[in-house]
Amino acid sequence: PHIDKVEHLIGYAWLALLPWAAFTRPVAASYASLAMVLLGGGIEVAQHFVPGRFASLADMAANALGVACGWFAGRRQARDGWAALRRRLVRICTSADDMSRR
């Protein structure tokens, strides 16, 4: 019933991660990444004025948590390099596949 909160978290984590791949300066990437909190809040507030839609504090919280996850992941990747992310994702996917076969 609350799967949409997971979708919000994943979507905003992705939005917050993208600036780290686009900007070369960590400060610019950080500001752009954290600006996604304002985007999420603005969209939720705007829904209040759309017939049939409503603002949700839970959605705002899921958005903000997603931004935090994306910001931390992006910051780490800026430090470690994007090749390290690919290796880590391959390891995670491979171990998840191994676990599902047990």
N, C-alpha and C. Protein backbone atom coordinates (compact mmCIF):
# COMPACT_ATOMS: atom_id res chain seq x y z
N PRO A 1 0.80 -1.22 0.00
CA PRO A 1 0.00 0.00 0.00
C PRO A 1 0.84 1.28 0.00
N HIS A 2 2.09 1.22 0.49
CA HIS A 2 2.93 2.42 0.53
C HIS A 2 4.11 2.31 -0.42
N ILE A 3 3.95 1.55 -1.47
CA ILE A 3 5.04 1.36 -2.43
C ILE A 3 5.40 2.68 -3.11
N ASP A 4 4.44 3.61 -3.16
CA ASP A 4 4.74 4.89 -3.80
C ASP A 4 5.82 5.66 -3.04
N LYS A 5 5.94 5.42 -1.75
CA LYS A 5 7.00 6.08 -0.97
C LYS A 5 8.38 5.56 -1.40
N VAL A 6 8.46 4.29 -1.70
CA VAL A 6 9.70 3.70 -2.20
C VAL A 6 10.02 4.29 -3.58
N GLU A 7 8.99 4.45 -4.40
CA GLU A 7 9.18 5.05 -5.71
C GLU A 7 9.68 6.50 -5.59
N HIS A 8 9.11 7.25 -4.65
CA HIS A 8 9.58 8.62 -4.41
C HIS A 8 11.05 8.60 -3.99
N LEU A 9 11.39 7.73 -3.05
CA LEU A 9 12.76 7.65 -2.56
C LEU A 9 13.74 7.34 -3.70
N ILE A 10 13.43 6.35 -4.50
CA ILE A 10 14.31 5.95 -5.59
C ILE A 10 14.41 7.07 -6.64
N GLY A 11 13.29 7.66 -6.98
CA GLY A 11 13.28 8.73 -7.98
C GLY A 11 14.11 9.93 -7.55
N TYR A 12 13.96 10.35 -6.31
CA TYR A 12 14.70 11.51 -5.84
C TYR A 12 16.16 11.18 -5.54
N ALA A 13 16.45 9.94 -5.20
CA ALA A 13 17.86 9.54 -5.06
C ALA A 13 18.54 9.66 -6.40
N TRP A 14 17.87 9.23 -7.45
CA TRP A 14 18.43 9.33 -8.80
C TRP A 14 18.62 10.79 -9.20
N LEU A 15 17.59 11.63 -8.93
CA LEU A 15 17.70 13.05 -9.26
C LEU A 15 18.85 13.73 -8.52
N ALA A 16 19.09 13.31 -7.28
CA ALA A 16 20.17 13.91 -6.50
C ALA A 16 21.53 13.36 -6.89
N LEU A 17 21.57 12.18 -7.47
CA LEU A 17 22.84 11.58 -7.90
C LEU A 17 23.32 12.16 -9.23
N LEU A 18 22.41 12.50 -10.10
CA LEU A 18 22.78 12.98 -11.44
C LEU A 18 23.72 14.19 -11.44
N PRO A 19 23.50 15.22 -10.62
CA PRO A 19 24.44 16.35 -10.66
C PRO A 19 25.89 15.98 -10.37
N TRP A 20 26.10 14.93 -9.59
CA TRP A 20 27.48 14.51 -9.29
C TRP A 20 28.18 13.98 -10.52
N ALA A 21 27.41 13.45 -11.46
CA ALA A 21 28.00 12.97 -12.71
C ALA A 21 28.15 14.11 -13.72
N ALA A 22 27.36 15.17 -13.55
CA ALA A 22 27.35 16.26 -14.53
C ALA A 22 28.32 17.39 -14.21
N PHE A 23 28.49 17.71 -12.93
CA PHE A 23 29.34 18.84 -12.54
C PHE A 23 30.73 18.36 -12.14
N THR A 24 31.73 19.14 -12.50
CA THR A 24 33.10 18.78 -12.12
C THR A 24 33.46 19.33 -10.74
N ARG A 25 32.80 20.39 -10.32
CA ARG A 25 33.09 20.98 -9.01
C ARG A 25 32.15 20.38 -7.96
N PRO A 26 32.68 19.81 -6.90
CA PRO A 26 31.84 19.19 -5.87
C PRO A 26 30.84 20.16 -5.23
N VAL A 27 31.22 21.42 -5.08
CA VAL A 27 30.29 22.38 -4.46
C VAL A 27 29.07 22.58 -5.36
N ALA A 28 29.29 22.73 -6.66
CA ALA A 28 28.17 22.89 -7.60
C ALA A 28 27.29 21.65 -7.61
N ALA A 29 27.92 20.49 -7.62
CA ALA A 29 27.15 19.23 -7.61
C ALA A 29 26.34 19.12 -6.34
N SER A 30 26.93 19.51 -5.24
CA SER A 30 26.25 19.42 -3.95
C SER A 30 25.02 20.33 -3.90
N TYR A 31 25.19 21.59 -4.34
CA TYR A 31 24.05 22.52 -4.35
C TYR A 31 22.95 22.04 -5.29
N ALA A 32 23.33 21.59 -6.47
CA ALA A 32 22.33 21.10 -7.43
C ALA A 32 21.61 19.87 -6.89
N SER A 33 22.36 19.01 -6.24
CA SER A 33 21.78 17.80 -5.67
C SER A 33 20.79 18.14 -4.56
N LEU A 34 21.21 19.00 -3.65
CA LEU A 34 20.34 19.36 -2.52
C LEU A 34 19.15 20.21 -2.95
N ALA A 35 19.24 20.87 -4.10
CA ALA A 35 18.11 21.65 -4.61
C ALA A 35 16.92 20.75 -4.93
N MET A 36 17.15 19.47 -5.08
CA MET A 36 16.05 18.54 -5.35
C MET A 36 15.06 18.47 -4.19
N VAL A 37 15.51 18.80 -2.98
CA VAL A 37 14.58 18.87 -1.85
C VAL A 37 13.55 19.97 -2.12
N LEU A 38 14.01 21.11 -2.63
CA LEU A 38 13.09 22.20 -2.97
C LEU A 38 12.15 21.80 -4.09
N LEU A 39 12.67 21.09 -5.07
CA LEU A 39 11.83 20.61 -6.17
C LEU A 39 10.72 19.70 -5.63
N GLY A 40 11.09 18.75 -4.81
CA GLY A 40 10.10 17.82 -4.25
C GLY A 40 9.06 18.54 -3.40
N GLY A 41 9.53 19.46 -2.58
CA GLY A 41 8.59 20.22 -1.74
C GLY A 41 7.67 21.08 -2.58
N GLY A 42 8.22 21.71 -3.61
CA GLY A 42 7.41 22.56 -4.49
C GLY A 42 6.35 21.77 -5.23
N ILE A 43 6.72 20.60 -5.69
CA ILE A 43 5.74 19.76 -6.40
C ILE A 43 4.62 19.33 -5.44
N GLU A 44 4.99 18.96 -4.24
CA GLU A 44 3.96 18.55 -3.26
C GLU A 44 3.03 19.71 -2.92
N VAL A 45 3.57 20.90 -2.72
CA VAL A 45 2.74 22.07 -2.42
C VAL A 45 1.84 22.40 -3.61
N ALA A 46 2.39 22.32 -4.82
CA ALA A 46 1.60 22.62 -6.02
C ALA A 46 0.41 21.67 -6.16
N GLN A 47 0.56 20.45 -5.71
CA GLN A 47 -0.53 19.48 -5.81
C GLN A 47 -1.75 19.90 -5.01
N HIS A 48 -1.54 20.71 -4.00
CA HIS A 48 -2.64 21.21 -3.18
C HIS A 48 -3.63 22.01 -4.04
N PHE A 49 -3.14 22.64 -5.09
CA PHE A 49 -3.96 23.50 -5.93
C PHE A 49 -4.51 22.80 -7.16
N VAL A 50 -4.23 21.52 -7.31
CA VAL A 50 -4.71 20.75 -8.46
C VAL A 50 -5.89 19.89 -8.02
N PRO A 51 -7.05 20.04 -8.69
CA PRO A 51 -8.22 19.24 -8.30
C PRO A 51 -7.91 17.74 -8.37
N GLY A 52 -8.31 17.03 -7.34
CA GLY A 52 -8.12 15.59 -7.29
C GLY A 52 -6.75 15.16 -6.76
N ARG A 53 -5.88 16.11 -6.46
CA ARG A 53 -4.55 15.81 -5.93
C ARG A 53 -4.43 16.41 -4.54
N PHE A 54 -3.50 15.93 -3.76
CA PHE A 54 -3.28 16.51 -2.44
C PHE A 54 -1.81 16.41 -2.07
N ALA A 55 -1.37 17.37 -1.27
CA ALA A 55 0.02 17.37 -0.79
C ALA A 55 0.16 16.32 0.30
N SER A 56 1.33 15.72 0.37
CA SER A 56 1.56 14.67 1.36
C SER A 56 2.90 14.90 2.05
N LEU A 57 2.85 15.03 3.37
CA LEU A 57 4.09 15.16 4.13
C LEU A 57 4.93 13.88 4.04
N ALA A 58 4.26 12.74 3.96
CA ALA A 58 4.99 11.48 3.83
C ALA A 58 5.76 11.43 2.50
N ASP A 59 5.14 11.94 1.43
CA ASP A 59 5.84 12.01 0.15
C ASP A 59 7.03 12.95 0.24
N MET A 60 6.84 14.09 0.91
CA MET A 60 7.95 15.04 1.09
C MET A 60 9.10 14.40 1.85
N ALA A 61 8.76 13.62 2.87
CA ALA A 61 9.80 12.95 3.66
C ALA A 61 10.53 11.91 2.81
N ALA A 62 9.78 11.15 2.02
CA ALA A 62 10.40 10.14 1.14
C ALA A 62 11.29 10.83 0.10
N ASN A 63 10.83 11.97 -0.42
CA ASN A 63 11.64 12.73 -1.38
C ASN A 63 12.94 13.18 -0.74
N ALA A 64 12.84 13.75 0.45
CA ALA A 64 14.03 14.27 1.15
C ALA A 64 14.99 13.14 1.50
N LEU A 65 14.46 12.01 1.93
CA LEU A 65 15.32 10.86 2.25
C LEU A 65 16.02 10.36 0.99
N GLY A 66 15.30 10.34 -0.12
CA GLY A 66 15.91 9.95 -1.39
C GLY A 66 17.02 10.90 -1.80
N VAL A 67 16.79 12.20 -1.61
CA VAL A 67 17.82 13.19 -1.92
C VAL A 67 19.06 12.95 -1.06
N ALA A 68 18.84 12.69 0.23
CA ALA A 68 19.97 12.43 1.12
C ALA A 68 20.76 11.21 0.65
N CYS A 69 20.06 10.15 0.27
CA CYS A 69 20.75 8.94 -0.23
C CYS A 69 21.53 9.24 -1.51
N GLY A 70 20.90 9.97 -2.43
CA GLY A 70 21.57 10.32 -3.68
C GLY A 70 22.75 11.24 -3.46
N TRP A 71 22.62 12.17 -2.53
CA TRP A 71 23.71 13.10 -2.22
C TRP A 71 24.91 12.35 -1.66
N PHE A 72 24.65 11.46 -0.68
CA PHE A 72 25.75 10.69 -0.09
C PHE A 72 26.41 9.78 -1.12
N ALA A 73 25.59 9.13 -1.96
CA ALA A 73 26.14 8.24 -2.99
C ALA A 73 26.97 9.05 -3.99
N GLY A 74 26.46 10.20 -4.41
CA GLY A 74 27.18 11.04 -5.36
C GLY A 74 28.48 11.57 -4.78
N ARG A 75 28.42 11.99 -3.54
CA ARG A 75 29.63 12.51 -2.87
C ARG A 75 30.70 11.42 -2.78
N ARG A 76 30.24 10.22 -2.45
CA ARG A 76 31.18 9.10 -2.35
C ARG A 76 31.79 8.79 -3.71
N GLN A 77 30.95 8.80 -4.74
CA GLN A 77 31.45 8.48 -6.07
C GLN A 77 32.37 9.57 -6.60
N ALA A 78 32.11 10.80 -6.24
CA ALA A 78 33.01 11.88 -6.65
C ALA A 78 34.39 11.66 -6.04
N ARG A 79 34.40 11.09 -4.85
CA ARG A 79 35.67 10.81 -4.17
C ARG A 79 36.32 9.54 -4.71
N ASP A 80 35.54 8.48 -4.90
CA ASP A 80 36.08 7.17 -5.28
C ASP A 80 36.20 6.96 -6.78
N GLY A 81 35.43 7.69 -7.55
CA GLY A 81 35.43 7.51 -9.00
C GLY A 81 34.25 6.67 -9.45
N TRP A 82 33.78 6.94 -10.65
CA TRP A 82 32.58 6.26 -11.15
C TRP A 82 32.84 4.81 -11.52
N ALA A 83 34.06 4.45 -11.84
CA ALA A 83 34.36 3.05 -12.15
C ALA A 83 34.15 2.19 -10.91
N ALA A 84 34.43 2.75 -9.73
CA ALA A 84 34.22 2.01 -8.49
C ALA A 84 32.73 1.72 -8.28
N LEU A 85 31.88 2.65 -8.68
CA LEU A 85 30.43 2.43 -8.56
C LEU A 85 30.00 1.26 -9.44
N ARG A 86 30.49 1.24 -10.66
CA ARG A 86 30.12 0.12 -11.55
C ARG A 86 30.55 -1.21 -10.96
N ARG A 87 31.77 -1.28 -10.43
CA ARG A 87 32.24 -2.53 -9.81
C ARG A 87 31.37 -2.92 -8.62
N ARG A 88 31.01 -1.94 -7.80
CA ARG A 88 30.20 -2.20 -6.62
C ARG A 88 28.80 -2.69 -7.01
N LEU A 89 28.21 -2.06 -8.04
CA LEU A 89 26.89 -2.48 -8.50
C LEU A 89 26.91 -3.89 -9.06
N VAL A 90 27.95 -4.23 -9.79
CA VAL A 90 28.07 -5.59 -10.33
C VAL A 90 28.16 -6.58 -9.18
N ARG A 91 28.96 -6.26 -8.15
CA ARG A 91 29.07 -7.15 -6.99
C ARG A 91 27.73 -7.32 -6.28
N ILE A 92 26.99 -6.21 -6.09
CA ILE A 92 25.70 -6.26 -5.41
C ILE A 92 24.71 -7.10 -6.21
N CYS A 93 24.64 -6.83 -7.52
CA CYS A 93 23.70 -7.58 -8.36
C CYS A 93 24.06 -9.07 -8.41
N THR A 94 25.33 -9.37 -8.46
CA THR A 94 25.77 -10.76 -8.51
C THR A 94 25.45 -11.47 -7.20
N SER A 95 25.69 -10.80 -6.06
CA SER A 95 25.39 -11.44 -4.78
C SER A 95 23.89 -11.59 -4.58
N ALA A 96 23.10 -10.61 -5.07
CA ALA A 96 21.64 -10.72 -4.96
C ALA A 96 21.12 -11.89 -5.80
N ASP A 97 21.73 -12.08 -6.96
CA ASP A 97 21.35 -13.18 -7.82
C ASP A 97 21.71 -14.52 -7.16
N ASP A 98 22.88 -14.58 -6.55
CA ASP A 98 23.29 -15.80 -5.84
C ASP A 98 22.35 -16.11 -4.68
N MET A 99 21.94 -15.08 -3.96
CA MET A 99 21.05 -15.27 -2.81
C MET A 99 19.67 -15.74 -3.26
N SER A 100 19.19 -15.25 -4.42
CA SER A 100 17.86 -15.65 -4.89
C SER A 100 17.84 -17.10 -5.35
N ARG A 101 18.99 -17.67 -5.66
CA ARG A 101 19.06 -19.06 -6.12
C ARG A 101 19.14 -20.04 -4.95
N ARG A 102 19.35 -19.54 -3.76
CA ARG A 102 19.46 -20.45 -2.60
C ARG A 102 18.12 -20.91 -2.14
